Amino acid sequence: QVQLVESGGGLVQPGGSLRLSCAQSGNIFSVYAWGWYRQTPGKRRELVARIINGGSTNYADSVKGRFTISRDSAKNALYLQMNNLKPEDTAVYYCNIDQPGGVDFWGQGTQVTVSS
């Protein structure tokens, strides 16, 4: 059984940094992409960043130059380094594994709050 567990969220002042981690347990044999999404109340969940299997990365325009996604395959871990955080980055952040033609896997989410 596959589980994704996020950690690293919290309260940070504008301009600060956080590093989110996602630990994967269980094996997935076919992955299209590993990604981070975020959601605020009343809004749809949106893609923040993802790594396509093969190495290419995609970022939302709003986080380009500030956020960096990375993956440690040996540890089955996914990371999101978030720098120069802004109040509009406040959201619940979710880890995702996208299978080609299959079920997606999601973590339970971790709250990030950017406020002075």
N, C-alpha and C. Protein backbone atom coordinates (compact mmCIF):
# COMPACT_ATOMS: atom_id res chain seq x y z
N GLN A 1 0.85 -1.19 0.00
CA GLN A 1 0.00 0.00 0.00
C GLN A 1 0.88 1.23 0.00
N VAL A 2 0.58 2.15 -0.90
CA VAL A 2 1.38 3.37 -1.03
C VAL A 2 0.84 4.45 -0.11
N GLN A 3 1.75 5.10 0.60
CA GLN A 3 1.38 6.25 1.43
C GLN A 3 2.37 7.38 1.18
N LEU A 4 1.85 8.59 1.18
CA LEU A 4 2.67 9.79 1.06
C LEU A 4 2.43 10.64 2.30
N VAL A 5 3.51 11.05 2.95
CA VAL A 5 3.40 11.84 4.17
C VAL A 5 4.23 13.10 4.02
N GLU A 6 3.54 14.25 4.06
CA GLU A 6 4.23 15.54 3.95
C GLU A 6 4.65 16.04 5.33
N SER A 7 5.69 16.84 5.35
CA SER A 7 6.13 17.51 6.57
C SER A 7 6.86 18.79 6.18
N GLY A 8 7.08 19.65 7.18
CA GLY A 8 7.87 20.85 6.94
C GLY A 8 7.07 22.13 6.85
N GLY A 9 5.75 22.03 6.88
CA GLY A 9 4.95 23.25 6.83
C GLY A 9 5.03 24.01 8.14
N GLY A 10 4.45 25.20 8.13
CA GLY A 10 4.45 26.00 9.34
C GLY A 10 4.17 27.45 9.05
N LEU A 11 4.43 28.28 10.06
CA LEU A 11 4.23 29.72 9.96
C LEU A 11 5.57 30.39 9.70
N VAL A 12 5.60 31.24 8.69
CA VAL A 12 6.84 31.94 8.35
C VAL A 12 6.50 33.37 7.94
N GLN A 13 7.43 34.27 8.19
CA GLN A 13 7.22 35.67 7.80
C GLN A 13 7.46 35.86 6.31
N PRO A 14 6.85 36.86 5.72
CA PRO A 14 7.14 37.16 4.31
C PRO A 14 8.64 37.33 4.09
N GLY A 15 9.11 36.75 2.98
CA GLY A 15 10.54 36.76 2.68
C GLY A 15 11.29 35.58 3.23
N GLY A 16 10.64 34.80 4.08
CA GLY A 16 11.29 33.65 4.69
C GLY A 16 11.29 32.42 3.80
N SER A 17 11.81 31.34 4.34
CA SER A 17 11.94 30.09 3.59
C SER A 17 11.39 28.92 4.39
N LEU A 18 10.94 27.93 3.65
CA LEU A 18 10.54 26.65 4.22
C LEU A 18 10.95 25.56 3.24
N ARG A 19 11.18 24.37 3.78
CA ARG A 19 11.44 23.21 2.94
C ARG A 19 10.43 22.12 3.28
N LEU A 20 9.62 21.78 2.30
CA LEU A 20 8.65 20.71 2.48
C LEU A 20 9.27 19.38 2.06
N SER A 21 8.89 18.34 2.77
CA SER A 21 9.34 17.00 2.43
C SER A 21 8.14 16.09 2.27
N CYS A 22 8.29 15.10 1.41
CA CYS A 22 7.24 14.10 1.20
C CYS A 22 7.91 12.74 1.20
N ALA A 23 7.54 11.93 2.18
CA ALA A 23 8.10 10.58 2.28
C ALA A 23 7.12 9.58 1.70
N GLN A 24 7.63 8.76 0.79
CA GLN A 24 6.79 7.73 0.15
C GLN A 24 7.10 6.38 0.75
N SER A 25 6.06 5.66 1.13
CA SER A 25 6.21 4.27 1.52
C SER A 25 5.41 3.41 0.56
N GLY A 26 5.93 2.21 0.27
CA GLY A 26 5.30 1.37 -0.72
C GLY A 26 5.85 1.68 -2.10
N ASN A 27 5.78 0.73 -2.97
CA ASN A 27 6.36 0.88 -4.31
C ASN A 27 5.29 1.16 -5.36
N ILE A 28 5.67 2.00 -6.30
CA ILE A 28 4.84 2.28 -7.46
C ILE A 28 5.67 1.94 -8.68
N PHE A 29 5.16 1.12 -9.56
CA PHE A 29 5.97 0.59 -10.65
C PHE A 29 6.00 1.49 -11.87
N SER A 30 5.04 2.37 -11.98
CA SER A 30 5.01 3.23 -13.15
C SER A 30 4.59 4.63 -12.71
N VAL A 31 5.48 5.58 -12.89
CA VAL A 31 5.21 6.96 -12.48
C VAL A 31 5.39 7.90 -13.67
N TYR A 32 4.42 8.77 -13.86
CA TYR A 32 4.57 9.82 -14.88
C TYR A 32 5.27 11.04 -14.29
N ALA A 33 4.85 11.44 -13.08
CA ALA A 33 5.44 12.64 -12.47
C ALA A 33 5.24 12.62 -10.96
N TRP A 34 6.15 13.29 -10.28
CA TRP A 34 6.04 13.59 -8.84
C TRP A 34 5.81 15.09 -8.71
N GLY A 35 4.88 15.48 -7.88
CA GLY A 35 4.57 16.90 -7.85
C GLY A 35 4.10 17.42 -6.51
N TRP A 36 4.09 18.74 -6.43
CA TRP A 36 3.53 19.47 -5.29
C TRP A 36 2.37 20.33 -5.81
N TYR A 37 1.26 20.27 -5.10
CA TYR A 37 0.09 21.07 -5.39
C TYR A 37 -0.26 21.85 -4.13
N ARG A 38 -1.09 22.86 -4.29
CA ARG A 38 -1.56 23.61 -3.13
C ARG A 38 -3.02 24.01 -3.33
N GLN A 39 -3.66 24.24 -2.20
CA GLN A 39 -5.08 24.59 -2.23
C GLN A 39 -5.41 25.53 -1.10
N THR A 40 -6.23 26.55 -1.41
CA THR A 40 -6.77 27.45 -0.41
C THR A 40 -8.28 27.27 -0.39
N PRO A 41 -8.92 27.64 0.71
CA PRO A 41 -10.38 27.43 0.83
C PRO A 41 -11.14 28.07 -0.32
N GLY A 42 -12.04 27.32 -0.90
CA GLY A 42 -12.89 27.84 -1.97
C GLY A 42 -12.25 27.84 -3.34
N LYS A 43 -11.01 27.38 -3.42
CA LYS A 43 -10.32 27.37 -4.72
C LYS A 43 -9.93 25.95 -5.10
N ARG A 44 -9.70 25.76 -6.40
CA ARG A 44 -9.27 24.45 -6.87
C ARG A 44 -7.81 24.21 -6.50
N ARG A 45 -7.49 22.94 -6.34
CA ARG A 45 -6.11 22.58 -6.10
C ARG A 45 -5.29 22.91 -7.35
N GLU A 46 -4.13 23.54 -7.17
CA GLU A 46 -3.34 23.96 -8.31
C GLU A 46 -1.93 23.38 -8.24
N LEU A 47 -1.38 23.14 -9.42
CA LEU A 47 -0.02 22.64 -9.50
C LEU A 47 0.96 23.73 -9.11
N VAL A 48 1.90 23.38 -8.24
CA VAL A 48 2.98 24.29 -7.85
C VAL A 48 4.24 23.94 -8.64
N ALA A 49 4.61 22.67 -8.60
CA ALA A 49 5.82 22.22 -9.30
C ALA A 49 5.76 20.71 -9.46
N ARG A 50 6.38 20.20 -10.50
CA ARG A 50 6.45 18.76 -10.66
C ARG A 50 7.71 18.36 -11.42
N ILE A 51 8.11 17.13 -11.16
CA ILE A 51 9.23 16.52 -11.88
C ILE A 51 8.65 15.40 -12.73
N ILE A 52 8.84 15.52 -14.04
CA ILE A 52 8.40 14.47 -14.95
C ILE A 52 9.43 13.35 -14.90
N ASN A 53 8.97 12.11 -14.94
CA ASN A 53 9.88 10.98 -14.98
C ASN A 53 10.78 11.12 -16.20
N GLY A 54 12.07 11.22 -15.98
CA GLY A 54 12.99 11.55 -17.06
C GLY A 54 13.75 12.82 -16.74
N GLY A 55 13.20 13.63 -15.79
CA GLY A 55 13.98 14.72 -15.24
C GLY A 55 13.50 16.13 -15.47
N SER A 56 12.65 16.37 -16.45
CA SER A 56 12.24 17.75 -16.68
C SER A 56 11.31 18.21 -15.56
N THR A 57 11.29 19.53 -15.36
CA THR A 57 10.49 20.11 -14.29
C THR A 57 9.55 21.17 -14.84
N ASN A 58 8.42 21.30 -14.17
CA ASN A 58 7.46 22.36 -14.49
C ASN A 58 7.18 23.14 -13.22
N TYR A 59 7.02 24.46 -13.35
CA TYR A 59 6.67 25.31 -12.21
C TYR A 59 5.52 26.22 -12.59
N ALA A 60 4.67 26.50 -11.61
CA ALA A 60 3.67 27.54 -11.80
C ALA A 60 4.39 28.87 -11.97
N ASP A 61 3.85 29.73 -12.81
CA ASP A 61 4.50 31.03 -13.05
C ASP A 61 4.70 31.80 -11.76
N SER A 62 3.77 31.66 -10.83
CA SER A 62 3.81 32.45 -9.60
C SER A 62 4.96 32.05 -8.67
N VAL A 63 5.57 30.88 -8.90
CA VAL A 63 6.64 30.44 -7.99
C VAL A 63 7.99 30.32 -8.69
N LYS A 64 8.02 30.54 -9.98
CA LYS A 64 9.29 30.42 -10.72
C LYS A 64 10.33 31.37 -10.14
N GLY A 65 11.53 30.84 -9.95
CA GLY A 65 12.62 31.62 -9.40
C GLY A 65 12.64 31.66 -7.88
N ARG A 66 11.59 31.17 -7.24
CA ARG A 66 11.52 31.17 -5.77
C ARG A 66 11.47 29.76 -5.20
N PHE A 67 10.81 28.84 -5.89
CA PHE A 67 10.64 27.47 -5.41
C PHE A 67 11.49 26.52 -6.25
N THR A 68 11.98 25.47 -5.60
CA THR A 68 12.74 24.44 -6.31
C THR A 68 12.26 23.06 -5.86
N ILE A 69 11.89 22.24 -6.83
CA ILE A 69 11.47 20.88 -6.53
C ILE A 69 12.65 19.94 -6.77
N SER A 70 12.75 18.93 -5.91
CA SER A 70 13.82 17.95 -6.08
C SER A 70 13.34 16.61 -5.56
N ARG A 71 14.05 15.57 -5.95
CA ARG A 71 13.67 14.22 -5.54
C ARG A 71 14.91 13.41 -5.23
N ASP A 72 14.82 12.63 -4.17
CA ASP A 72 15.87 11.69 -3.80
C ASP A 72 15.30 10.29 -3.99
N SER A 73 15.67 9.66 -5.11
CA SER A 73 15.08 8.36 -5.42
C SER A 73 15.53 7.29 -4.44
N ALA A 74 16.73 7.42 -3.90
CA ALA A 74 17.23 6.42 -2.95
C ALA A 74 16.41 6.43 -1.66
N LYS A 75 15.93 7.61 -1.29
CA LYS A 75 15.14 7.74 -0.07
C LYS A 75 13.64 7.74 -0.35
N ASN A 76 13.27 7.64 -1.62
CA ASN A 76 11.85 7.74 -1.99
C ASN A 76 11.23 9.01 -1.40
N ALA A 77 11.93 10.12 -1.58
CA ALA A 77 11.48 11.37 -0.99
C ALA A 77 11.41 12.47 -2.04
N LEU A 78 10.48 13.36 -1.84
CA LEU A 78 10.28 14.52 -2.71
C LEU A 78 10.36 15.76 -1.84
N TYR A 79 10.96 16.82 -2.38
CA TYR A 79 11.16 18.03 -1.60
C TYR A 79 10.66 19.25 -2.38
N LEU A 80 10.35 20.30 -1.62
CA LEU A 80 10.04 21.58 -2.23
C LEU A 80 10.70 22.66 -1.38
N GLN A 81 11.75 23.25 -1.91
CA GLN A 81 12.41 24.37 -1.25
C GLN A 81 11.70 25.65 -1.66
N MET A 82 11.19 26.37 -0.68
CA MET A 82 10.42 27.57 -0.94
C MET A 82 11.14 28.76 -0.33
N ASN A 83 11.59 29.67 -1.17
CA ASN A 83 12.29 30.87 -0.73
C ASN A 83 11.48 32.12 -1.05
N ASN A 84 11.82 33.20 -0.37
CA ASN A 84 11.14 34.48 -0.59
C ASN A 84 9.62 34.31 -0.58
N LEU A 85 9.14 33.67 0.47
CA LEU A 85 7.72 33.37 0.56
C LEU A 85 6.89 34.63 0.67
N LYS A 86 5.71 34.57 0.08
CA LYS A 86 4.78 35.70 0.06
C LYS A 86 3.46 35.27 0.72
N PRO A 87 2.69 36.23 1.21
CA PRO A 87 1.41 35.87 1.83
C PRO A 87 0.51 35.05 0.90
N GLU A 88 0.60 35.31 -0.40
CA GLU A 88 -0.25 34.57 -1.34
C GLU A 88 0.20 33.13 -1.53
N ASP A 89 1.32 32.74 -0.94
CA ASP A 89 1.74 31.34 -0.95
C ASP A 89 1.05 30.54 0.15
N THR A 90 0.33 31.22 1.02
CA THR A 90 -0.38 30.54 2.10
C THR A 90 -1.39 29.55 1.52
N ALA A 91 -1.28 28.30 1.94
CA ALA A 91 -2.14 27.24 1.40
C ALA A 91 -1.81 25.93 2.11
N VAL A 92 -2.63 24.93 1.85
CA VAL A 92 -2.26 23.56 2.21
C VAL A 92 -1.54 22.97 1.01
N TYR A 93 -0.37 22.43 1.25
CA TYR A 93 0.46 21.87 0.19
C TYR A 93 0.38 20.35 0.22
N TYR A 94 0.17 19.78 -0.96
CA TYR A 94 -0.01 18.34 -1.10
C TYR A 94 1.06 17.75 -2.01
N CYS A 95 1.53 16.59 -1.61
CA CYS A 95 2.44 15.80 -2.42
C CYS A 95 1.61 14.89 -3.33
N ASN A 96 2.06 14.69 -4.54
CA ASN A 96 1.29 13.89 -5.51
C ASN A 96 2.21 13.00 -6.32
N ILE A 97 1.74 11.80 -6.60
CA ILE A 97 2.38 10.93 -7.60
C ILE A 97 1.35 10.63 -8.66
N ASP A 98 1.71 10.94 -9.89
CA ASP A 98 0.81 10.79 -11.03
C ASP A 98 1.22 9.54 -11.81
N GLN A 99 0.32 8.57 -11.86
CA GLN A 99 0.59 7.36 -12.63
C GLN A 99 0.01 7.50 -14.04
N PRO A 100 0.69 7.01 -15.04
CA PRO A 100 0.12 7.06 -16.40
C PRO A 100 -1.07 6.14 -16.52
N GLY A 101 -2.23 6.72 -16.75
CA GLY A 101 -3.44 5.93 -16.94
C GLY A 101 -3.93 5.23 -15.69
N GLY A 102 -3.44 5.66 -14.55
CA GLY A 102 -3.80 4.99 -13.30
C GLY A 102 -4.22 5.95 -12.22
N VAL A 103 -4.34 5.42 -11.02
CA VAL A 103 -4.78 6.23 -9.88
C VAL A 103 -3.66 7.12 -9.40
N ASP A 104 -3.98 8.38 -9.11
CA ASP A 104 -3.02 9.28 -8.49
C ASP A 104 -2.95 8.99 -7.00
N PHE A 105 -1.79 9.28 -6.42
CA PHE A 105 -1.63 9.17 -4.97
C PHE A 105 -1.43 10.57 -4.39
N TRP A 106 -2.05 10.79 -3.23
CA TRP A 106 -1.96 12.10 -2.57
C TRP A 106 -1.59 11.92 -1.10
N GLY A 107 -0.84 12.89 -0.59
CA GLY A 107 -0.61 12.96 0.84
C GLY A 107 -1.77 13.65 1.53
N GLN A 108 -1.63 13.80 2.85
CA GLN A 108 -2.71 14.40 3.63
C GLN A 108 -2.63 15.91 3.65
N GLY A 109 -1.50 16.46 3.21
CA GLY A 109 -1.33 17.90 3.15
C GLY A 109 -0.60 18.46 4.36
N THR A 110 0.09 19.57 4.14
CA THR A 110 0.75 20.30 5.21
C THR A 110 0.48 21.79 5.03
N GLN A 111 0.13 22.45 6.12
CA GLN A 111 -0.26 23.86 6.06
C GLN A 111 0.98 24.75 6.02
N VAL A 112 0.98 25.68 5.08
CA VAL A 112 2.00 26.72 5.02
C VAL A 112 1.28 28.06 5.18
N THR A 113 1.71 28.83 6.15
CA THR A 113 1.12 30.14 6.40
C THR A 113 2.23 31.18 6.38
N VAL A 114 2.05 32.17 5.50
CA VAL A 114 3.04 33.25 5.37
C VAL A 114 2.38 34.53 5.87
N SER A 115 2.85 34.99 7.01
CA SER A 115 2.22 36.15 7.64
C SER A 115 3.20 36.82 8.58
N SER A 116 3.05 38.14 8.70
CA SER A 116 3.87 38.87 9.66
C SER A 116 3.13 39.02 10.98
